Amino acid sequence: MVLDTRLEASQGGWLAPGGGLRLRGRAPLPLREQPRFQLAGHRDTVTAVAVSRELDLVVSGDAQGCVLLHSLAKGVVVVSLSLPGSTCPVYEIQVWCVGG
């Protein structure tokens, strides 16, 4: 999976005027010519993605119910989560900090 900065508004971000990614309530981030990392690990189609700068996480879910947590800074898988025998797709992921 390549983390693409071309997010839709429903995914928590959108392209800002003048070229940049705007995340909810934040200043636009500059777009890169090339992705910083290619995030790997899913065996099926990625169906949901959430990003948290504060937690250093990219959380993604796939069509078979697997959820991967990648380090945003390093681009490596930190944790892989799935229910044994489950094939329910992940349709939505939300990440937030409590008390942080």
C-alpha atoms as a PDB file:
ATOM      1  CA  MET A   1       0.000   0.000   0.000  1.00  0.00           C
ATOM      2  CA  VAL A   2       1.312   3.419  -0.879  1.00  0.00           C
ATOM      3  CA  LEU A   3       0.088   6.116   1.484  1.00  0.00           C
ATOM      4  CA  ASP A   4      -1.153   8.667  -1.001  1.00  0.00           C
ATOM      5  CA  THR A   5      -1.595  12.260   0.091  1.00  0.00           C
ATOM      6  CA  ARG A   6      -4.560  12.697  -2.265  1.00  0.00           C
ATOM      7  CA  LEU A   7      -7.232  12.082   0.377  1.00  0.00           C
ATOM      8  CA  GLU A   8     -10.906  12.822   0.015  1.00  0.00           C
ATOM      9  CA  ALA A   9     -12.821  14.892   2.576  1.00  0.00           C
ATOM     10  CA  SER A  10     -14.514  11.724   3.855  1.00  0.00           C
ATOM     11  CA  GLN A  11     -11.067  10.352   4.751  1.00  0.00           C
ATOM     12  CA  GLY A  12     -10.219  13.296   7.002  1.00  0.00           C
ATOM     13  CA  GLY A  13      -8.227  15.398   4.564  1.00  0.00           C
ATOM     14  CA  TRP A  14      -8.343  17.185   1.254  1.00  0.00           C
ATOM     15  CA  LEU A  15      -6.039  18.994  -1.096  1.00  0.00           C
ATOM     16  CA  ALA A  16      -5.595  22.616  -0.091  1.00  0.00           C
ATOM     17  CA  PRO A  17      -5.363  25.490  -2.591  1.00  0.00           C
ATOM     18  CA  GLY A  18      -1.782  25.966  -3.723  1.00  0.00           C
ATOM     19  CA  GLY A  19      -0.850  22.303  -3.310  1.00  0.00           C
ATOM     20  CA  GLY A  20      -0.809  20.739   0.094  1.00  0.00           C
ATOM     21  CA  LEU A  21      -2.730  18.302   2.222  1.00  0.00           C
ATOM     22  CA  ARG A  22      -5.026  19.817   4.832  1.00  0.00           C
ATOM     23  CA  LEU A  23      -6.005  17.605   7.752  1.00  0.00           C
ATOM     24  CA  ARG A  24      -8.882  18.486  10.049  1.00  0.00           C
ATOM     25  CA  GLY A  25      -8.102  21.826  11.683  1.00  0.00           C
ATOM     26  CA  ARG A  26      -4.436  21.936  10.643  1.00  0.00           C
ATOM     27  CA  ALA A  27      -2.345  23.982   8.257  1.00  0.00           C
ATOM     28  CA  PRO A  28      -1.711  22.411   4.832  1.00  0.00           C
ATOM     29  CA  LEU A  29       1.139  19.917   4.588  1.00  0.00           C
ATOM     30  CA  PRO A  30       3.423  20.135   1.547  1.00  0.00           C
ATOM     31  CA  LEU A  31       3.003  17.383  -1.041  1.00  0.00           C
ATOM     32  CA  ARG A  32       6.031  15.290  -1.971  1.00  0.00           C
ATOM     33  CA  GLU A  33       7.087  14.228  -5.435  1.00  0.00           C
ATOM     34  CA  GLN A  34       7.597  10.657  -4.206  1.00  0.00           C
ATOM     35  CA  PRO A  35       6.004   8.843  -1.253  1.00  0.00           C
ATOM     36  CA  ARG A  36       8.188   8.667   1.852  1.00  0.00           C
ATOM     37  CA  PHE A  37       7.301   4.996   2.445  1.00  0.00           C
ATOM     38  CA  GLN A  38       5.433   2.194   0.770  1.00  0.00           C
ATOM     39  CA  LEU A  39       3.474   0.579   3.577  1.00  0.00           C
ATOM     40  CA  ALA A  40       3.222  -3.185   3.193  1.00  0.00           C
ATOM     41  CA  GLY A  41       1.549  -6.041   5.006  1.00  0.00           C
ATOM     42  CA  HIS A  42      -2.031  -6.393   3.789  1.00  0.00           C
ATOM     43  CA  ARG A  43      -2.948  -9.504   1.812  1.00  0.00           C
ATOM     44  CA  ASP A  44      -6.215  -8.048   0.538  1.00  0.00           C
ATOM     45  CA  THR A  45      -7.599  -4.715  -0.654  1.00  0.00           C
ATOM     46  CA  VAL A  46      -7.145  -1.860   1.831  1.00  0.00           C
ATOM     47  CA  THR A  47     -10.614  -0.502   2.637  1.00  0.00           C
ATOM     48  CA  ALA A  48      -9.941   2.100   5.378  1.00  0.00           C
ATOM     49  CA  VAL A  49      -7.047   4.292   6.527  1.00  0.00           C
ATOM     50  CA  ALA A  50      -6.562   6.720   9.421  1.00  0.00           C
ATOM     51  CA  VAL A  51      -3.463   8.758  10.265  1.00  0.00           C
ATOM     52  CA  SER A  52      -2.420  10.225  13.624  1.00  0.00           C
ATOM     53  CA  ARG A  53       0.653  12.436  13.763  1.00  0.00           C
ATOM     54  CA  GLU A  54       0.368  12.705  17.556  1.00  0.00           C
ATOM     55  CA  LEU A  55       0.440   8.918  17.998  1.00  0.00           C
ATOM     56  CA  ASP A  56       2.923   8.308  15.133  1.00  0.00           C
ATOM     57  CA  LEU A  57       0.441   5.882  13.542  1.00  0.00           C
ATOM     58  CA  VAL A  58      -1.007   4.959  10.195  1.00  0.00           C
ATOM     59  CA  VAL A  59      -3.847   2.513  10.849  1.00  0.00           C
ATOM     60  CA  SER A  60      -5.244   0.573   7.905  1.00  0.00           C
ATOM     61  CA  GLY A  61      -7.880  -2.111   7.551  1.00  0.00           C
ATOM     62  CA  ASP A  62      -8.550  -4.507   4.707  1.00  0.00           C
ATOM     63  CA  ALA A  63     -11.365  -6.463   3.069  1.00  0.00           C
ATOM     64  CA  GLN A  64     -10.656  -9.547   5.197  1.00  0.00           C
ATOM     65  CA  GLY A  65     -10.748  -7.752   8.557  1.00  0.00           C
ATOM     66  CA  CYS A  66      -7.014  -7.377   9.184  1.00  0.00           C
ATOM     67  CA  VAL A  67      -5.924  -4.102  10.841  1.00  0.00           C
ATOM     68  CA  LEU A  68      -2.291  -2.970  10.638  1.00  0.00           C
ATOM     69  CA  LEU A  69      -0.657  -0.219  12.673  1.00  0.00           C
ATOM     70  CA  HIS A  70       2.388   1.320  10.963  1.00  0.00           C
ATOM     71  CA  SER A  71       4.813   3.816  12.432  1.00  0.00           C
ATOM     72  CA  LEU A  72       4.292   7.079  10.572  1.00  0.00           C
ATOM     73  CA  ALA A  73       7.931   8.091  11.147  1.00  0.00           C
ATOM     74  CA  LYS A  74       9.538   4.756  10.205  1.00  0.00           C
ATOM     75  CA  GLY A  75       7.008   3.163   7.824  1.00  0.00           C
ATOM     76  CA  VAL A  76       7.165  -0.247   9.514  1.00  0.00           C
ATOM     77  CA  VAL A  77       4.366  -2.445  10.884  1.00  0.00           C
ATOM     78  CA  VAL A  78       4.088  -2.024  14.653  1.00  0.00           C
ATOM     79  CA  VAL A  79       1.098  -4.333  15.267  1.00  0.00           C
ATOM     80  CA  SER A  80      -1.128  -6.601  13.189  1.00  0.00           C
ATOM     81  CA  LEU A  81      -4.638  -7.295  14.518  1.00  0.00           C
ATOM     82  CA  SER A  82      -7.278  -9.722  13.270  1.00  0.00           C
ATOM     83  CA  LEU A  83      -9.940 -11.971  14.736  1.00  0.00           C
ATOM     84  CA  PRO A  84      -9.316 -15.662  14.063  1.00  0.00           C
ATOM     85  CA  GLY A  85     -11.713 -16.942  11.394  1.00  0.00           C
ATOM     86  CA  SER A  86     -13.113 -13.472  10.666  1.00  0.00           C
ATOM     87  CA  THR A  87     -13.500 -12.244   7.110  1.00  0.00           C
ATOM     88  CA  CYS A  88     -15.565  -9.126   7.885  1.00  0.00           C
ATOM     89  CA  PRO A  89     -14.185  -6.104   6.004  1.00  0.00           C
ATOM     90  CA  VAL A  90     -13.005  -3.020   7.875  1.00  0.00           C
ATOM     91  CA  TYR A  91     -15.005  -0.052   6.591  1.00  0.00           C
ATOM     92  CA  GLU A  92     -14.032   2.709   8.995  1.00  0.00           C
ATOM     93  CA  ILE A  93     -11.108   3.497  11.307  1.00  0.00           C
ATOM     94  CA  GLN A  94     -10.847   6.378  13.751  1.00  0.00           C
ATOM     95  CA  VAL A  95      -7.785   7.263  15.830  1.00  0.00           C
ATOM     96  CA  TRP A  96      -7.687   9.820  18.616  1.00  0.00           C
ATOM     97  CA  CYS A  97      -5.673  10.820  21.698  1.00  0.00           C
ATOM     98  CA  VAL A  98      -7.380  10.924  25.073  1.00  0.00           C
ATOM     99  CA  GLY A  99      -5.852  13.297  27.604  1.00  0.00           C
ATOM    100  CA  GLY A 100      -2.861  13.919  25.360  1.00  0.00           C
END
